[in-house]
Amino acid sequence: MTKAYEAIRTRFPDLHIQVECDTLDQVDEALAAGARAILLDNMSVADMAAAVRLVAGRAELEASGGLTVDRARDVAATGVDYLAVGVLTHSAPALDIGLDFTSERPRP
């Protein structure tokens, strides 16, 4: 993750990069790499609280993944900066389009 973050930051220094983490070790690595926005994906409330203490204001934290309206108050109490409750978007019909970048050239 560190090499990928540094490569993107070097090539696009003004780009807002949000690093998705699902473990505290990944949060620590993202923070060490210089991440200023970290998405806490599918973490327990206890792990999110630990991530808030680990980050200590050095990056913005967004709680996401499996977050429901019923759990929102408990998650907010951890001290994360943002909550992403997917029930609003998951209940609406959508077309999901992905775009992947590679360093390989397409073959003719």
PDB file of N, CA and C in Angstrom:
ATOM      1  N   MET A   1       0.818  -1.179   0.000  1.00  0.00           N
ATOM      2  CA  MET A   1       0.000   0.000   0.000  1.00  0.00           C
ATOM      3  C   MET A   1       0.870   1.253   0.000  1.00  0.00           C
ATOM      4  N   THR A   2       1.945   1.235   0.737  1.00  0.00           N
ATOM      5  CA  THR A   2       2.812   2.413   0.833  1.00  0.00           C
ATOM      6  C   THR A   2       3.359   2.815  -0.528  1.00  0.00           C
ATOM      7  N   LYS A   3       3.854   1.846  -1.294  1.00  0.00           N
ATOM      8  CA  LYS A   3       4.406   2.156  -2.619  1.00  0.00           C
ATOM      9  C   LYS A   3       3.327   2.710  -3.548  1.00  0.00           C
ATOM     10  N   ALA A   4       2.147   2.133  -3.502  1.00  0.00           N
ATOM     11  CA  ALA A   4       1.053   2.621  -4.348  1.00  0.00           C
ATOM     12  C   ALA A   4       0.670   4.045  -3.960  1.00  0.00           C
ATOM     13  N   TYR A   5       0.567   4.308  -2.677  1.00  0.00           N
ATOM     14  CA  TYR A   5       0.213   5.649  -2.207  1.00  0.00           C
ATOM     15  C   TYR A   5       1.267   6.667  -2.648  1.00  0.00           C
ATOM     16  N   GLU A   6       2.532   6.330  -2.447  1.00  0.00           N
ATOM     17  CA  GLU A   6       3.616   7.243  -2.817  1.00  0.00           C
ATOM     18  C   GLU A   6       3.653   7.492  -4.327  1.00  0.00           C
ATOM     19  N   ALA A   7       3.399   6.453  -5.120  1.00  0.00           N
ATOM     20  CA  ALA A   7       3.408   6.610  -6.576  1.00  0.00           C
ATOM     21  C   ALA A   7       2.302   7.557  -7.031  1.00  0.00           C
ATOM     22  N   ILE A   8       1.124   7.411  -6.450  1.00  0.00           N
ATOM     23  CA  ILE A   8       0.011   8.296  -6.818  1.00  0.00           C
ATOM     24  C   ILE A   8       0.284   9.709  -6.339  1.00  0.00           C
ATOM     25  N   ARG A   9       0.757   9.853  -5.122  1.00  0.00           N
ATOM     26  CA  ARG A   9       1.034  11.175  -4.551  1.00  0.00           C
ATOM     27  C   ARG A   9       2.103  11.904  -5.369  1.00  0.00           C
ATOM     28  N   THR A  10       3.131  11.170  -5.839  1.00  0.00           N
ATOM     29  CA  THR A  10       4.194  11.780  -6.635  1.00  0.00           C
ATOM     30  C   THR A  10       3.662  12.258  -7.986  1.00  0.00           C
ATOM     31  N   ARG A  11       2.867  11.428  -8.621  1.00  0.00           N
ATOM     32  CA  ARG A  11       2.357  11.768  -9.961  1.00  0.00           C
ATOM     33  C   ARG A  11       1.234  12.808  -9.910  1.00  0.00           C
ATOM     34  N   PHE A  12       0.406  12.744  -8.886  1.00  0.00           N
ATOM     35  CA  PHE A  12      -0.734  13.650  -8.757  1.00  0.00           C
ATOM     36  C   PHE A  12      -0.731  14.292  -7.367  1.00  0.00           C
ATOM     37  N   PRO A  13       0.156  15.248  -7.117  1.00  0.00           N
ATOM     38  CA  PRO A  13       0.332  15.788  -5.767  1.00  0.00           C
ATOM     39  C   PRO A  13      -0.899  16.498  -5.194  1.00  0.00           C
ATOM     40  N   ASP A  14      -1.796  16.983  -6.036  1.00  0.00           N
ATOM     41  CA  ASP A  14      -2.969  17.703  -5.535  1.00  0.00           C
ATOM     42  C   ASP A  14      -4.220  16.828  -5.444  1.00  0.00           C
ATOM     43  N   LEU A  15      -4.110  15.568  -5.816  1.00  0.00           N
ATOM     44  CA  LEU A  15      -5.251  14.661  -5.806  1.00  0.00           C
ATOM     45  C   LEU A  15      -5.623  14.278  -4.371  1.00  0.00           C
ATOM     46  N   HIS A  16      -6.925  14.340  -4.063  1.00  0.00           N
ATOM     47  CA  HIS A  16      -7.407  13.893  -2.747  1.00  0.00           C
ATOM     48  C   HIS A  16      -7.436  12.367  -2.768  1.00  0.00           C
ATOM     49  N   ILE A  17      -6.637  11.744  -1.932  1.00  0.00           N
ATOM     50  CA  ILE A  17      -6.544  10.289  -1.888  1.00  0.00           C
ATOM     51  C   ILE A  17      -7.138   9.814  -0.566  1.00  0.00           C
ATOM     52  N   GLN A  18      -8.053   8.868  -0.658  1.00  0.00           N
ATOM     53  CA  GLN A  18      -8.624   8.254   0.534  1.00  0.00           C
ATOM     54  C   GLN A  18      -8.201   6.789   0.523  1.00  0.00           C
ATOM     55  N   VAL A  19      -7.541   6.356   1.586  1.00  0.00           N
ATOM     56  CA  VAL A  19      -7.037   4.995   1.674  1.00  0.00           C
ATOM     57  C   VAL A  19      -8.042   4.156   2.452  1.00  0.00           C
ATOM     58  N   GLU A  20      -8.469   3.047   1.854  1.00  0.00           N
ATOM     59  CA  GLU A  20      -9.419   2.150   2.505  1.00  0.00           C
ATOM     60  C   GLU A  20      -8.664   1.110   3.317  1.00  0.00           C
ATOM     61  N   CYS A  21      -9.021   1.005   4.590  1.00  0.00           N
ATOM     62  CA  CYS A  21      -8.357   0.068   5.495  1.00  0.00           C
ATOM     63  C   CYS A  21      -9.403  -0.782   6.211  1.00  0.00           C
ATOM     64  N   ASP A  22      -9.093  -2.065   6.393  1.00  0.00           N
ATOM     65  CA  ASP A  22     -10.004  -2.893   7.170  1.00  0.00           C
ATOM     66  C   ASP A  22      -9.341  -3.531   8.377  1.00  0.00           C
ATOM     67  N   THR A  23      -8.098  -3.119   8.661  1.00  0.00           N
ATOM     68  CA  THR A  23      -7.420  -3.550   9.889  1.00  0.00           C
ATOM     69  C   THR A  23      -6.660  -2.366  10.484  1.00  0.00           C
ATOM     70  N   LEU A  24      -6.344  -2.466  11.755  1.00  0.00           N
ATOM     71  CA  LEU A  24      -5.570  -1.413  12.413  1.00  0.00           C
ATOM     72  C   LEU A  24      -4.146  -1.351  11.869  1.00  0.00           C
ATOM     73  N   ASP A  25      -3.594  -2.487  11.468  1.00  0.00           N
ATOM     74  CA  ASP A  25      -2.253  -2.481  10.861  1.00  0.00           C
ATOM     75  C   ASP A  25      -2.249  -1.681   9.568  1.00  0.00           C
ATOM     76  N   GLN A  26      -3.314  -1.806   8.774  1.00  0.00           N
ATOM     77  CA  GLN A  26      -3.414  -1.027   7.546  1.00  0.00           C
ATOM     78  C   GLN A  26      -3.557   0.462   7.841  1.00  0.00           C
ATOM     79  N   VAL A  27      -4.295   0.790   8.893  1.00  0.00           N
ATOM     80  CA  VAL A  27      -4.427   2.200   9.294  1.00  0.00           C
ATOM     81  C   VAL A  27      -3.058   2.755   9.653  1.00  0.00           C
ATOM     82  N   ASP A  28      -2.300   2.002  10.405  1.00  0.00           N
ATOM     83  CA  ASP A  28      -0.955   2.424  10.804  1.00  0.00           C
ATOM     84  C   ASP A  28      -0.067   2.625   9.578  1.00  0.00           C
ATOM     85  N   GLU A  29      -0.141   1.714   8.609  1.00  0.00           N
ATOM     86  CA  GLU A  29       0.662   1.832   7.391  1.00  0.00           C
ATOM     87  C   GLU A  29       0.226   3.044   6.558  1.00  0.00           C
ATOM     88  N   ALA A  30      -1.084   3.247   6.437  1.00  0.00           N
ATOM     89  CA  ALA A  30      -1.588   4.397   5.676  1.00  0.00           C
ATOM     90  C   ALA A  30      -1.128   5.702   6.310  1.00  0.00           C
ATOM     91  N   LEU A  31      -1.186   5.764   7.607  1.00  0.00           N
ATOM     92  CA  LEU A  31      -0.752   6.958   8.330  1.00  0.00           C
ATOM     93  C   LEU A  31       0.745   7.191   8.137  1.00  0.00           C
ATOM     94  N   ALA A  32       1.533   6.125   8.221  1.00  0.00           N
ATOM     95  CA  ALA A  32       2.983   6.238   8.027  1.00  0.00           C
ATOM     96  C   ALA A  32       3.322   6.689   6.606  1.00  0.00           C
ATOM     97  N   ALA A  33       2.490   6.304   5.641  1.00  0.00           N
ATOM     98  CA  ALA A  33       2.720   6.702   4.254  1.00  0.00           C
ATOM     99  C   ALA A  33       2.357   8.163   4.015  1.00  0.00           C
ATOM    100  N   GLY A  34       1.596   8.749   4.934  1.00  0.00           N
ATOM    101  CA  GLY A  34       1.219  10.147   4.797  1.00  0.00           C
ATOM    102  C   GLY A  34      -0.230  10.383   4.434  1.00  0.00           C
ATOM    103  N   ALA A  35      -1.054   9.343   4.501  1.00  0.00           N
ATOM    104  CA  ALA A  35      -2.469   9.488   4.148  1.00  0.00           C
ATOM    105  C   ALA A  35      -3.137  10.517   5.043  1.00  0.00           C
ATOM    106  N   ARG A  36      -3.943  11.361   4.429  1.00  0.00           N
ATOM    107  CA  ARG A  36      -4.684  12.397   5.160  1.00  0.00           C
ATOM    108  C   ARG A  36      -6.166  12.074   5.258  1.00  0.00           C
ATOM    109  N   ALA A  37      -6.605  11.018   4.558  1.00  0.00           N
ATOM    110  CA  ALA A  37      -7.999  10.575   4.617  1.00  0.00           C
ATOM    111  C   ALA A  37      -8.009   9.052   4.605  1.00  0.00           C
ATOM    112  N   ILE A  38      -8.615   8.467   5.628  1.00  0.00           N
ATOM    113  CA  ILE A  38      -8.623   7.012   5.773  1.00  0.00           C
ATOM    114  C   ILE A  38     -10.059   6.543   5.951  1.00  0.00           C
ATOM    115  N   LEU A  39     -10.446   5.549   5.150  1.00  0.00           N
ATOM    116  CA  LEU A  39     -11.768   4.946   5.226  1.00  0.00           C
ATOM    117  C   LEU A  39     -11.651   3.679   6.059  1.00  0.00           C
ATOM    118  N   LEU A  40     -12.389   3.612   7.158  1.00  0.00           N
ATOM    119  CA  LEU A  40     -12.394   2.438   8.028  1.00  0.00           C
ATOM    120  C   LEU A  40     -13.504   1.521   7.548  1.00  0.00           C
ATOM    121  N   ASP A  41     -13.147   0.461   6.852  1.00  0.00           N
ATOM    122  CA  ASP A  41     -14.111  -0.392   6.167  1.00  0.00           C
ATOM    123  C   ASP A  41     -14.421  -1.650   6.976  1.00  0.00           C
ATOM    124  N   ASN A  42     -15.688  -1.816   7.313  1.00  0.00           N
ATOM    125  CA  ASN A  42     -16.170  -3.017   8.004  1.00  0.00           C
ATOM    126  C   ASN A  42     -15.433  -3.311   9.311  1.00  0.00           C
ATOM    127  N   MET A  43     -15.053  -2.292  10.032  1.00  0.00           N
ATOM    128  CA  MET A  43     -14.382  -2.475  11.326  1.00  0.00           C
ATOM    129  C   MET A  43     -15.404  -2.520  12.448  1.00  0.00           C
ATOM    130  N   SER A  44     -15.029  -3.196  13.513  1.00  0.00           N
ATOM    131  CA  SER A  44     -15.872  -3.191  14.706  1.00  0.00           C
ATOM    132  C   SER A  44     -15.812  -1.805  15.346  1.00  0.00           C
ATOM    133  N   VAL A  45     -16.768  -1.532  16.204  1.00  0.00           N
ATOM    134  CA  VAL A  45     -16.775  -0.247  16.919  1.00  0.00           C
ATOM    135  C   VAL A  45     -15.501  -0.114  17.755  1.00  0.00           C
ATOM    136  N   ALA A  46     -15.079  -1.193  18.377  1.00  0.00           N
ATOM    137  CA  ALA A  46     -13.854  -1.156  19.197  1.00  0.00           C
ATOM    138  C   ALA A  46     -12.632  -0.835  18.343  1.00  0.00           C
ATOM    139  N   ASP A  47     -12.540  -1.435  17.148  1.00  0.00           N
ATOM    140  CA  ASP A  47     -11.396  -1.150  16.264  1.00  0.00           C
ATOM    141  C   ASP A  47     -11.439   0.279  15.739  1.00  0.00           C
ATOM    142  N   MET A  48     -12.650   0.793  15.469  1.00  0.00           N
ATOM    143  CA  MET A  48     -12.753   2.183  15.019  1.00  0.00           C
ATOM    144  C   MET A  48     -12.289   3.139  16.117  1.00  0.00           C
ATOM    145  N   ALA A  49     -12.667   2.854  17.360  1.00  0.00           N
ATOM    146  CA  ALA A  49     -12.222   3.685  18.481  1.00  0.00           C
ATOM    147  C   ALA A  49     -10.703   3.619  18.613  1.00  0.00           C
ATOM    148  N   ALA A  50     -10.130   2.433  18.419  1.00  0.00           N
ATOM    149  CA  ALA A  50      -8.672   2.283  18.471  1.00  0.00           C
ATOM    150  C   ALA A  50      -8.012   3.048  17.326  1.00  0.00           C
ATOM    151  N   ALA A  51      -8.631   3.032  16.145  1.00  0.00           N
ATOM    152  CA  ALA A  51      -8.091   3.778  15.003  1.00  0.00           C
ATOM    153  C   ALA A  51      -8.098   5.275  15.284  1.00  0.00           C
ATOM    154  N   VAL A  52      -9.153   5.775  15.916  1.00  0.00           N
ATOM    155  CA  VAL A  52      -9.224   7.205  16.276  1.00  0.00           C
ATOM    156  C   VAL A  52      -8.071   7.560  17.202  1.00  0.00           C
ATOM    157  N   ARG A  53      -7.806   6.714  18.184  1.00  0.00           N
ATOM    158  CA  ARG A  53      -6.692   6.974  19.109  1.00  0.00           C
ATOM    159  C   ARG A  53      -5.352   6.902  18.385  1.00  0.00           C
ATOM    160  N   LEU A  54      -5.193   5.921  17.504  1.00  0.00           N
ATOM    161  CA  LEU A  54      -3.950   5.751  16.752  1.00  0.00           C
ATOM    162  C   LEU A  54      -3.679   6.950  15.845  1.00  0.00           C
ATOM    163  N   VAL A  55      -4.685   7.407  15.146  1.00  0.00           N
ATOM    164  CA  VAL A  55      -4.536   8.521  14.205  1.00  0.00           C
ATOM    165  C   VAL A  55      -4.365   9.845  14.934  1.00  0.00           C
ATOM    166  N   ALA A  56      -5.050  10.009  16.032  1.00  0.00           N
ATOM    167  CA  ALA A  56      -4.910  11.197  16.890  1.00  0.00           C
ATOM    168  C   ALA A  56      -4.978  12.516  16.110  1.00  0.00           C
ATOM    169  N   GLY A  57      -5.949  12.612  15.186  1.00  0.00           N
ATOM    170  CA  GLY A  57      -6.149  13.858  14.463  1.00  0.00           C
ATOM    171  C   GLY A  57      -5.231  14.102  13.282  1.00  0.00           C
ATOM    172  N   ARG A  58      -4.337  13.174  12.975  1.00  0.00           N
ATOM    173  CA  ARG A  58      -3.391  13.374  11.870  1.00  0.00           C
ATOM    174  C   ARG A  58      -3.995  13.083  10.503  1.00  0.00           C
ATOM    175  N   ALA A  59      -5.186  12.501  10.480  1.00  0.00           N
ATOM    176  CA  ALA A  59      -5.896  12.226   9.226  1.00  0.00           C
ATOM    177  C   ALA A  59      -7.387  12.231   9.522  1.00  0.00           C
ATOM    178  N   GLU A  60      -8.188  12.462   8.489  1.00  0.00           N
ATOM    179  CA  GLU A  60      -9.636  12.370   8.649  1.00  0.00           C
ATOM    180  C   GLU A  60     -10.036  10.904   8.528  1.00  0.00           C
ATOM    181  N   LEU A  61     -10.998  10.498   9.355  1.00  0.00           N
ATOM    182  CA  LEU A  61     -11.450   9.116   9.360  1.00  0.00           C
ATOM    183  C   LEU A  61     -12.924   9.036   8.982  1.00  0.00           C
ATOM    184  N   GLU A  62     -13.230   8.132   8.068  1.00  0.00           N
ATOM    185  CA  GLU A  62     -14.614   7.876   7.673  1.00  0.00           C
ATOM    186  C   GLU A  62     -14.950   6.423   7.960  1.00  0.00           C
ATOM    187  N   ALA A  63     -16.015   6.193   8.703  1.00  0.00           N
ATOM    188  CA  ALA A  63     -16.491   4.847   8.990  1.00  0.00           C
ATOM    189  C   ALA A  63     -17.430   4.417   7.876  1.00  0.00           C
ATOM    190  N   SER A  64     -17.216   3.215   7.355  1.00  0.00           N
ATOM    191  CA  SER A  64     -18.012   2.742   6.228  1.00  0.00           C
ATOM    192  C   SER A  64     -18.077   1.224   6.258  1.00  0.00           C
ATOM    193  N   GLY A  65     -18.918   0.683   5.422  1.00  0.00           N
ATOM    194  CA  GLY A  65     -19.008  -0.763   5.274  1.00  0.00           C
ATOM    195  C   GLY A  65     -19.770  -1.421   6.405  1.00  0.00           C
ATOM    196  N   GLY A  66     -20.968  -1.848   6.141  1.00  0.00           N
ATOM    197  CA  GLY A  66     -21.775  -2.516   7.153  1.00  0.00           C
ATOM    198  C   GLY A  66     -22.365  -1.568   8.182  1.00  0.00           C
ATOM    199  N   LEU A  67     -22.205  -0.289   7.968  1.00  0.00           N
ATOM    200  CA  LEU A  67     -22.729   0.689   8.915  1.00  0.00           C
ATOM    201  C   LEU A  67     -24.220   0.880   8.674  1.00  0.00           C
ATOM    202  N   THR A  68     -24.999   0.696   9.712  1.00  0.00           N
ATOM    203  CA  THR A  68     -26.447   0.865   9.614  1.00  0.00           C
ATOM    204  C   THR A  68     -26.879   2.044  10.460  1.00  0.00           C
ATOM    205  N   VAL A  69     -28.086   2.506  10.220  1.00  0.00           N
ATOM    206  CA  VAL A  69     -28.640   3.612  11.003  1.00  0.00           C
ATOM    207  C   VAL A  69     -28.670   3.223  12.485  1.00  0.00           C
ATOM    208  N   ASP A  70     -28.960   1.947  12.786  1.00  0.00           N
ATOM    209  CA  ASP A  70     -29.027   1.484  14.178  1.00  0.00           C
ATOM    210  C   ASP A  70     -27.676   1.588  14.891  1.00  0.00           C
ATOM    211  N   ARG A  71     -26.575   1.406  14.171  1.00  0.00           N
ATOM    212  CA  ARG A  71     -25.233   1.460  14.765  1.00  0.00           C
ATOM    213  C   ARG A  71     -24.608   2.843  14.696  1.00  0.00           C
ATOM    214  N   ALA A  72     -25.225   3.775  14.001  1.00  0.00           N
ATOM    215  CA  ALA A  72     -24.616   5.079  13.733  1.00  0.00           C
ATOM    216  C   ALA A  72     -24.215   5.822  14.995  1.00  0.00           C
ATOM    217  N   ARG A  73     -25.053   5.818  16.015  1.00  0.00           N
ATOM    218  CA  ARG A  73     -24.738   6.541  17.251  1.00  0.00           C
ATOM    219  C   ARG A  73     -23.490   5.968  17.922  1.00  0.00           C
ATOM    220  N   ASP A  74     -23.401   4.635  17.996  1.00  0.00           N
ATOM    221  CA  ASP A  74     -22.223   3.997  18.605  1.00  0.00           C
ATOM    222  C   ASP A  74     -20.953   4.290  17.808  1.00  0.00           C
ATOM    223  N   VAL A  75     -21.063   4.254  16.490  1.00  0.00           N
ATOM    224  CA  VAL A  75     -19.905   4.536  15.641  1.00  0.00           C
ATOM    225  C   VAL A  75     -19.495   6.004  15.773  1.00  0.00           C
ATOM    226  N   ALA A  76     -20.458   6.898  15.786  1.00  0.00           N
ATOM    227  CA  ALA A  76     -20.154   8.326  15.941  1.00  0.00           C
ATOM    228  C   ALA A  76     -19.444   8.593  17.260  1.00  0.00           C
ATOM    229  N   ALA A  77     -19.801   7.842  18.283  1.00  0.00           N
ATOM    230  CA  ALA A  77     -19.186   8.032  19.602  1.00  0.00           C
ATOM    231  C   ALA A  77     -17.707   7.642  19.621  1.00  0.00           C
ATOM    232  N   THR A  78     -17.223   6.934  18.606  1.00  0.00           N
ATOM    233  CA  THR A  78     -15.802   6.579  18.554  1.00  0.00           C
ATOM    234  C   THR A  78     -14.930   7.787  18.273  1.00  0.00           C
ATOM    235  N   GLY A  79     -15.524   8.826  17.641  1.00  0.00           N
ATOM    236  CA  GLY A  79     -14.756  10.017  17.307  1.00  0.00           C
ATOM    237  C   GLY A  79     -14.359  10.112  15.850  1.00  0.00           C
ATOM    238  N   VAL A  80     -14.857   9.199  14.999  1.00  0.00           N
ATOM    239  CA  VAL A  80     -14.564   9.304  13.569  1.00  0.00           C
ATOM    240  C   VAL A  80     -15.124  10.623  13.042  1.00  0.00           C
ATOM    241  N   ASP A  81     -14.561  11.102  11.953  1.00  0.00           N
ATOM    242  CA  ASP A  81     -14.984  12.384  11.386  1.00  0.00           C
ATOM    243  C   ASP A  81     -16.254  12.277  10.548  1.00  0.00           C
ATOM    244  N   TYR A  82     -16.419  11.147   9.866  1.00  0.00           N
ATOM    245  CA  TYR A  82     -17.545  10.980   8.950  1.00  0.00           C
ATOM    246  C   TYR A  82     -18.138   9.585   9.083  1.00  0.00           C
ATOM    247  N   LEU A  83     -19.437   9.483   8.823  1.00  0.00           N
ATOM    248  CA  LEU A  83     -20.137   8.199   8.772  1.00  0.00           C
ATOM    249  C   LEU A  83     -20.714   8.030   7.373  1.00  0.00           C
ATOM    250  N   ALA A  84     -20.534   6.865   6.790  1.00  0.00           N
ATOM    251  CA  ALA A  84     -21.132   6.561   5.493  1.00  0.00           C
ATOM    252  C   ALA A  84     -22.130   5.434   5.704  1.00  0.00           C
ATOM    253  N   VAL A  85     -23.401   5.781   5.705  1.00  0.00           N
ATOM    254  CA  VAL A  85     -24.463   4.794   5.903  1.00  0.00           C
ATOM    255  C   VAL A  85     -25.009   4.433   4.526  1.00  0.00           C
ATOM    256  N   GLY A  86     -24.736   3.225   4.089  1.00  0.00           N
ATOM    257  CA  GLY A  86     -25.064   2.823   2.736  1.00  0.00           C
ATOM    258  C   GLY A  86     -26.522   2.534   2.471  1.00  0.00           C
ATOM    259  N   VAL A  87     -27.353   2.454   3.503  1.00  0.00           N
ATOM    260  CA  VAL A  87     -28.764   2.106   3.292  1.00  0.00           C
ATOM    261  C   VAL A  87     -29.441   3.079   2.330  1.00  0.00           C
ATOM    262  N   LEU A  88     -29.014   4.322   2.328  1.00  0.00           N
ATOM    263  CA  LEU A  88     -29.621   5.305   1.435  1.00  0.00           C
ATOM    264  C   LEU A  88     -29.322   4.998  -0.025  1.00  0.00           C
ATOM    265  N   THR A  89     -28.081   4.638  -0.323  1.00  0.00           N
ATOM    266  CA  THR A  89     -27.713   4.365  -1.708  1.00  0.00           C
ATOM    267  C   THR A  89     -27.996   2.916  -2.099  1.00  0.00           C
ATOM    268  N   HIS A  90     -27.937   1.989  -1.151  1.00  0.00           N
ATOM    269  CA  HIS A  90     -28.152   0.584  -1.472  1.00  0.00           C
ATOM    270  C   HIS A  90     -29.609   0.305  -1.817  1.00  0.00           C
ATOM    271  N   SER A  91     -30.515   1.134  -1.343  1.00  0.00           N
ATOM    272  CA  SER A  91     -31.934   0.902  -1.604  1.00  0.00           C
ATOM    273  C   SER A  91     -32.378   1.480  -2.948  1.00  0.00           C
ATOM    274  N   ALA A  92     -31.540   2.262  -3.584  1.00  0.00           N
ATOM    275  CA  ALA A  92     -31.886   2.865  -4.872  1.00  0.00           C
ATOM    276  C   ALA A  92     -31.293   2.036  -6.008  1.00  0.00           C
ATOM    277  N   PRO A  93     -32.048   1.901  -7.118  1.00  0.00           N
ATOM    278  CA  PRO A  93     -31.466   1.189  -8.263  1.00  0.00           C
ATOM    279  C   PRO A  93     -30.273   1.971  -8.809  1.00  0.00           C
ATOM    280  N   ALA A  94     -29.250   1.247  -9.235  1.00  0.00           N
ATOM    281  CA  ALA A  94     -28.042   1.924  -9.712  1.00  0.00           C
ATOM    282  C   ALA A  94     -27.357   1.090 -10.786  1.00  0.00           C
ATOM    283  N   LEU A  95     -26.566   1.763 -11.564  1.00  0.00           N
ATOM    284  CA  LEU A  95     -25.690   1.120 -12.536  1.00  0.00           C
ATOM    285  C   LEU A  95     -24.273   1.355 -12.038  1.00  0.00           C
ATOM    286  N   ASP A  96     -23.553   0.282 -11.749  1.00  0.00           N
ATOM    287  CA  ASP A  96     -22.201   0.381 -11.218  1.00  0.00           C
ATOM    288  C   ASP A  96     -21.211   0.227 -12.360  1.00  0.00           C
ATOM    289  N   ILE A  97     -20.448   1.276 -12.619  1.00  0.00           N
ATOM    290  CA  ILE A  97     -19.457   1.268 -13.697  1.00  0.00           C
ATOM    291  C   ILE A  97     -18.083   1.430 -13.064  1.00  0.00           C
ATOM    292  N   GLY A  98     -17.167   0.534 -13.382  1.00  0.00           N
ATOM    293  CA  GLY A  98     -15.820   0.613 -12.841  1.00  0.00           C
ATOM    294  C   GLY A  98     -14.824   0.984 -13.923  1.00  0.00           C
ATOM    295  N   LEU A  99     -13.762   1.634 -13.519  1.00  0.00           N
ATOM    296  CA  LEU A  99     -12.693   1.997 -14.436  1.00  0.00           C
ATOM    297  C   LEU A  99     -11.379   1.649 -13.764  1.00  0.00           C
ATOM    298  N   ASP A 100     -10.658   0.712 -14.352  1.00  0.00           N
ATOM    299  CA  ASP A 100      -9.387   0.275 -13.791  1.00  0.00           C
ATOM    300  C   ASP A 100      -8.242   0.774 -14.656  1.00  0.00           C
ATOM    301  N   PHE A 101      -7.183   1.200 -14.008  1.00  0.00           N
ATOM    302  CA  PHE A 101      -6.000   1.668 -14.709  1.00  0.00           C
ATOM    303  C   PHE A 101      -4.887   0.646 -14.539  1.00  0.00           C
ATOM    304  N   THR A 102      -4.148   0.389 -15.613  1.00  0.00           N
ATOM    305  CA  THR A 102      -2.977  -0.475 -15.542  1.00  0.00           C
ATOM    306  C   THR A 102      -1.833   0.215 -16.253  1.00  0.00           C
ATOM    307  N   SER A 103      -0.650  -0.272 -16.016  1.00  0.00           N
ATOM    308  CA  SER A 103       0.517   0.309 -16.688  1.00  0.00           C
ATOM    309  C   SER A 103       0.836  -0.432 -17.976  1.00  0.00           C
ATOM    310  N   GLU A 104       0.067  -1.468 -18.287  1.00  0.00           N
ATOM    311  CA  GLU A 104       0.294  -2.225 -19.510  1.00  0.00           C
ATOM    312  C   GLU A 104      -0.359  -1.540 -20.698  1.00  0.00           C
ATOM    313  N   ARG A 105       0.280  -1.654 -21.837  1.00  0.00           N
ATOM    314  CA  ARG A 105      -0.281  -1.105 -23.067  1.00  0.00           C
ATOM    315  C   ARG A 105      -1.236  -2.139 -23.670  1.00  0.00           C
ATOM    316  N   PRO A 106      -2.342  -1.662 -24.227  1.00  0.00           N
ATOM    317  CA  PRO A 106      -3.264  -2.614 -24.875  1.00  0.00           C
ATOM    318  C   PRO A 106      -2.628  -3.220 -26.111  1.00  0.00           C
ATOM    319  N   ARG A 107      -2.960  -4.432 -26.373  1.00  0.00           N
ATOM    320  CA  ARG A 107      -2.439  -5.105 -27.563  1.00  0.00           C
ATOM    321  C   ARG A 107      -3.323  -4.786 -28.757  1.00  0.00           C
ATOM    322  N   PRO A 108      -2.715  -4.591 -29.912  1.00  0.00           N
ATOM    323  CA  PRO A 108      -3.511  -4.270 -31.123  1.00  0.00           C
ATOM    324  C   PRO A 108      -4.369  -5.424 -31.574  1.00  0.00           C
TER     325      PRO A 108
END
